[in-house]
Structures are given as C-alpha cells and as structure tokens.
C-alpha cells in the first residue's frame, strides 16, 4: 500500500493544510528531484477551481521541469507559471 494511503482516507480529508502531501513533497519522497529537470509535463485541472493542478505546476517548475497547462478558454485565472516564478 502507498505511503500516502492513510493521509488520503476520507476521514482524514479536511481541505487545504490537512495531512495530505503536496506535489513537491511527493517528488522529494520519491527521490525524483534530479530526474525531472528539463522534462515536459502536461498538467490538467489548472482552472477547475481546485488547486491540485496549480500545486503540481509549481512543484514541477520549482525543480526545473517544463510544465505546460491545459485550461478551458473561458477561464480568467492568471497564468500559474508566472505566479510560480
């Protein structure tokens, strides 16, 4: 079973700042820091109103990845890559 299974049980989900790991924590835990540099990633759910997509974008950008995001044209959300810089 995943080391993250307990944190993701329904009874432990309390929204932002609960015990679930961030995307950057998962990358570090899985020893992927030096393995994702200059890789291209397509991240979805960036404009869904759930910050999972933005958190993932920021984490990949922080470690030197080249994330691209997909969002609906009607979205007015600012470019998350600009926010991450």
Protein backbone atom coordinates (compact mmCIF):
# COMPACT_ATOMS: atom_id res chain seq x y z
CA UNK A 1 0.00 0.00 0.00
CA UNK A 2 1.18 3.54 -0.74
CA UNK A 3 2.84 5.55 1.99
CA UNK A 4 0.22 8.22 1.26
CA UNK A 5 -2.84 5.95 1.69
CA UNK A 6 -3.55 6.91 5.31
CA UNK A 7 -3.43 10.64 4.57
CA UNK A 8 -5.93 10.21 1.72
CA UNK A 9 -8.59 8.28 3.64
CA UNK A 10 -11.96 10.05 3.56
CA UNK A 11 -11.92 10.53 7.33
CA UNK A 12 -8.63 12.47 7.08
CA UNK A 13 -9.63 14.86 4.30
CA UNK A 14 -10.10 18.30 5.80
CA UNK A 15 -9.27 20.56 2.87
CA UNK A 16 -6.23 22.80 2.45
CA UNK A 17 -3.49 22.32 5.01
CA UNK A 18 -4.60 18.82 6.01
CA UNK A 19 -2.16 15.91 6.26
CA UNK A 20 -2.01 15.12 2.53
CA UNK A 21 1.40 15.71 0.98
CA UNK A 22 1.96 18.46 -1.55
CA UNK A 23 3.17 17.67 -5.05
CA UNK A 24 6.67 18.87 -4.13
CA UNK A 25 6.73 16.62 -1.06
CA UNK A 26 5.80 13.61 -3.22
CA UNK A 27 8.56 14.47 -5.70
CA UNK A 28 11.09 14.68 -2.86
CA UNK A 29 9.81 11.49 -1.14
CA UNK A 30 10.11 9.54 -4.37
CA UNK A 31 13.69 10.81 -4.95
CA UNK A 32 12.74 12.45 -8.25
CA UNK A 33 14.36 15.86 -7.72
CA UNK A 34 17.22 15.40 -10.18
CA UNK A 35 15.31 13.14 -12.55
CA UNK A 36 12.66 15.58 -13.79
CA UNK A 37 14.82 18.53 -14.93
CA UNK A 38 14.01 19.68 -18.49
CA UNK A 39 11.22 17.11 -18.83
CA UNK A 40 7.94 18.36 -20.31
CA UNK A 41 4.70 17.71 -18.40
CA UNK A 42 1.08 18.39 -19.35
CA UNK A 43 -0.91 19.29 -16.24
CA UNK A 44 -4.71 19.37 -16.37
CA UNK A 45 -7.26 20.73 -13.86
CA UNK A 46 -5.42 24.02 -13.61
CA UNK A 47 -8.59 26.10 -13.98
CA UNK A 48 -11.00 23.75 -12.22
CA UNK A 49 -11.06 25.74 -9.00
CA UNK A 50 -9.14 23.00 -7.20
CA UNK A 51 -5.54 23.97 -6.55
CA UNK A 52 -4.17 20.49 -7.19
CA UNK A 53 -3.25 21.40 -10.77
CA UNK A 54 -1.59 24.66 -9.76
CA UNK A 55 0.30 22.99 -6.90
CA UNK A 56 1.58 20.37 -9.34
CA UNK A 57 2.60 23.03 -11.87
CA UNK A 58 4.51 24.98 -9.25
CA UNK A 59 6.29 21.89 -7.93
CA UNK A 60 7.39 20.78 -11.41
CA UNK A 61 8.51 24.31 -12.28
CA UNK A 62 10.44 24.62 -9.00
CA UNK A 63 12.51 21.51 -9.70
CA UNK A 64 13.36 22.52 -13.26
CA UNK A 65 10.63 20.70 -15.14
CA UNK A 66 8.89 22.31 -18.11
CA UNK A 67 5.22 22.03 -17.20
CA UNK A 68 2.53 23.02 -19.67
CA UNK A 69 -1.02 23.57 -18.55
CA UNK A 70 -4.36 22.94 -20.15
CA UNK A 71 -7.35 25.03 -19.20
CA UNK A 72 -10.69 25.99 -20.62
CA UNK A 73 -10.67 29.12 -22.80
CA UNK A 74 -13.33 30.79 -20.65
CA UNK A 75 -11.11 30.65 -17.60
CA UNK A 76 -9.96 34.03 -16.31
CA UNK A 77 -7.39 32.57 -13.94
CA UNK A 78 -3.90 34.09 -14.35
CA UNK A 79 -1.07 32.03 -15.78
CA UNK A 80 0.13 29.87 -12.86
CA UNK A 81 3.66 29.66 -14.28
CA UNK A 82 4.01 33.42 -13.89
CA UNK A 83 2.83 33.12 -10.27
CA UNK A 84 5.40 30.37 -9.61
CA UNK A 85 8.37 32.43 -10.74
